[in-house]
Every structure is written in structure tokens, then in C-alpha cells.
Protein backbone atom coordinates (compact mmCIF):
# COMPACT_ATOMS: atom_id res chain seq x y z
CA MET A 1 -2.72 -19.13 -4.43
CA ALA A 2 -3.73 -18.09 -0.89
CA THR A 3 -4.67 -20.84 1.52
CA ALA A 4 -6.66 -20.83 4.74
CA ALA A 5 -3.34 -20.60 6.62
CA GLU A 6 -2.21 -17.75 4.38
CA PRO A 7 -5.03 -15.29 3.59
CA LYS A 8 -4.65 -13.01 0.58
CA GLY A 9 -3.90 -10.13 2.90
CA THR A 10 -5.03 -6.83 4.37
CA ILE A 11 -4.71 -3.71 2.26
CA LEU A 12 -4.91 -0.18 3.60
CA ILE A 13 -6.19 2.10 0.84
CA ALA A 14 -5.05 5.68 1.44
CA ASP A 15 -6.59 8.28 -0.85
CA ASP A 16 -8.43 11.56 -0.26
CA ASP A 17 -10.90 10.77 -3.08
CA PRO A 18 -13.91 8.94 -1.54
CA GLU A 19 -14.89 7.46 -4.91
CA ILE A 20 -11.49 5.83 -5.35
CA LEU A 21 -11.58 4.52 -1.77
CA THR A 22 -14.99 2.92 -2.33
CA MET A 23 -14.20 1.51 -5.77
CA LEU A 24 -10.90 -0.03 -4.72
CA SER A 25 -12.28 -1.36 -1.47
CA ILE A 26 -15.17 -3.13 -3.19
CA ARG A 27 -13.02 -4.57 -5.99
CA LEU A 28 -10.29 -5.79 -3.64
CA GLN A 29 -12.78 -7.32 -1.20
CA ARG A 30 -14.31 -9.22 -4.12
CA ARG A 31 -10.83 -10.58 -4.84
CA GLY A 32 -10.52 -11.89 -1.28
CA TYR A 33 -8.57 -9.11 0.41
CA THR A 34 -9.50 -7.42 3.67
CA THR A 35 -9.51 -3.66 3.18
CA LEU A 36 -9.11 -0.63 5.40
CA GLU A 37 -9.53 2.99 4.32
CA ALA A 38 -7.78 6.23 5.20
CA SER A 39 -8.37 9.66 3.69
CA ASP A 40 -5.24 11.54 4.79
CA GLY A 41 -1.62 10.90 5.65
CA LEU A 42 -1.95 11.14 9.42
CA GLN A 43 -4.87 8.70 9.46
CA THR A 44 -2.87 6.36 7.22
CA LEU A 45 0.03 6.28 9.67
CA GLN A 46 -2.29 5.70 12.63
CA MET A 47 -4.11 2.86 10.87
CA ALA A 48 -0.80 1.30 9.78
CA ARG A 49 0.42 1.31 13.39
CA THR A 50 -2.87 -0.12 14.69
CA HIS A 51 -3.70 -2.71 12.03
CA ARG A 52 -0.32 -3.64 10.48
CA PRO A 53 -1.66 -4.22 6.94
CA ASP A 54 0.23 -6.34 4.45
CA LEU A 55 0.21 -3.49 1.95
CA ILE A 56 -0.73 0.16 1.62
CA LEU A 57 -2.06 1.60 -1.64
CA LEU A 58 -0.77 5.10 -1.08
CA ASP A 59 -1.85 8.24 -2.92
CA VAL A 60 0.80 10.96 -3.02
CA MET A 61 -1.34 14.08 -2.82
CA MET A 62 -3.24 13.85 0.49
CA PRO A 63 -3.91 16.30 3.32
CA GLY A 64 -2.01 16.06 6.59
CA LYS A 65 1.08 14.25 5.37
CA ASN A 66 1.53 13.42 1.73
CA GLY A 67 2.16 9.88 0.55
CA TRP A 68 5.89 10.38 0.22
CA GLU A 69 6.11 11.53 3.86
CA VAL A 70 4.03 8.54 4.97
CA ALA A 71 6.22 6.09 3.02
CA ARG A 72 9.43 7.64 4.36
CA GLU A 73 8.15 7.53 7.95
CA LEU A 74 7.10 3.89 7.66
CA ARG A 75 10.43 2.82 6.12
CA ALA A 76 12.35 4.65 8.88
CA SER A 77 10.33 3.02 11.67
CA PRO A 78 12.34 1.04 14.21
CA GLN A 79 9.40 -1.40 14.34
CA GLN A 80 10.11 -3.98 11.64
CA GLU A 81 6.39 -4.74 11.24
CA LEU A 82 5.87 -1.15 10.08
CA ALA A 83 9.08 -0.82 8.08
CA ASN A 84 8.23 -4.00 6.14
CA ILE A 85 4.69 -3.10 5.06
CA GLY A 86 4.38 -3.28 1.28
CA ILE A 87 3.79 0.08 -0.39
CA VAL A 88 2.36 0.70 -3.83
CA MET A 89 2.09 4.38 -4.76
CA LEU A 90 -1.16 5.11 -6.60
CA THR A 91 -1.18 8.61 -7.99
CA ALA A 92 -1.94 10.99 -10.83
CA ILE A 93 1.25 13.06 -10.51
CA GLY A 94 2.62 11.69 -13.77
CA GLU A 95 4.34 8.49 -14.76
CA LYS A 96 7.90 9.86 -14.96
CA ILE A 97 7.68 11.63 -11.60
CA ASN A 98 6.10 8.57 -10.00
CA GLU A 99 8.74 6.28 -11.50
CA MET A 100 11.58 8.48 -10.22
CA THR A 101 10.24 9.33 -6.75
CA SER A 102 8.54 6.13 -5.59
CA PRO A 103 11.80 4.19 -5.02
CA ILE A 104 13.42 7.19 -3.31
CA TYR A 105 10.74 7.12 -0.61
CA GLY A 106 10.77 3.35 -0.20
CA ALA A 107 7.76 2.31 -2.28
CA ASP A 108 7.87 -1.22 -3.66
CA ASP A 109 6.01 -0.26 -6.83
CA PHE A 110 3.74 2.39 -8.33
CA VAL A 111 0.64 2.68 -10.49
CA ASP A 112 -0.47 5.81 -12.30
CA LYS A 113 -4.05 7.06 -12.30
CA PRO A 114 -6.09 6.29 -14.27
CA PHE A 115 -5.07 2.69 -13.80
CA ASP A 116 -5.86 -0.72 -15.16
CA PHE A 117 -7.23 -2.82 -12.30
CA ALA A 118 -5.63 -6.04 -13.57
CA ASP A 119 -2.22 -4.32 -13.57
CA LEU A 120 -2.82 -2.93 -10.08
CA GLU A 121 -3.95 -6.29 -8.74
CA GLY A 122 -0.88 -8.00 -10.21
CA LYS A 123 1.42 -5.50 -8.50
CA ILE A 124 -0.45 -5.88 -5.20
CA ALA A 125 -0.11 -9.68 -5.28
CA ARG A 126 3.58 -9.47 -6.23
CA VAL A 127 4.47 -7.00 -3.47
CA ILE A 128 2.57 -8.93 -0.79
CA GLN A 129 4.28 -12.16 -1.85
CA MET A 130 7.70 -10.47 -1.88
CA ARG A 131 7.21 -8.91 1.57
CA ARG A 132 5.98 -12.21 3.05
CA ALA A 133 9.05 -13.99 1.66
CA GLN A 134 11.32 -11.34 3.19
CA ARG A 135 9.62 -11.69 6.58
CA ALA A 136 9.94 -15.49 6.42
CA GLN A 137 13.67 -15.24 5.65
CA SER A 138 14.31 -12.84 8.54
CA GLN A 139 12.61 -15.08 11.12
CA PRO A 140 14.91 -17.45 13.05
């Protein structure tokens, strides 16, 4: 359970569908997360660099740079704070493709659209907890 010293986290929602952005933002805010929104890959990268979210919900098919390119660029970043952002791919490209490609590009997990919010929220919480544990272990 999150404490005052450890907030639930900041999630950057990256999707070119405004309805999905709004729906996810409202639902996640109600669950205690801080949310940010981006509608294309380039904006996602800029917001990640500026705000350093705990996790990015990342659609694959977006204008500018697609989600795979964004994930690959973040994972290759020499800045550990960017390379260690949690990534959950959220896409309608198909379960098998998502399952095969998400790990290749450095995603921590994936959810297929349409999705079950309880499943998505569970994966979000798990990835944020895992990434926080990794950061704690790497600190002197």
C-alpha cells in the first residue's frame, strides 16, 4: 500500500485516441495516481524527459514515433532515470504480436485492447513496485 512517503506514482498515458486518454486518466486519478497525457511518440519522449514518470502506458500505433521506437529509445538512454521508467504496452495490434514484441523493445508488460481495467491496474502496480525495488537496490 502506498504511504505519504511513497505516493502511488505518476503515469504517462501515451495514446493517439483522446477517449482512451481521458478514460484512463480519470480512472487512474481516482485510484490515487498522478497522470500525464501524450498523443504521439515525440510528445511522449519529451514528457518522459521532463517529468520522469514512474510508468508509461504506451500505445504502439501512434504518429511521430510509434510505441516500440519510444520504448527502445528510453531503454537505450544513458540517463538511468529514463532507462528505468516502467513501460506497459497498451495496444490493439493483437495478443500474439504484443506478447512477442513487447519484451524485444524493453516493455515490462503488455495489455491488449480492449482491456480489463482490473488487469491493467494490477500490471501497473506490479511494474511500478518492481521498478522502485530495482532503483532502491542500485542506490549506494
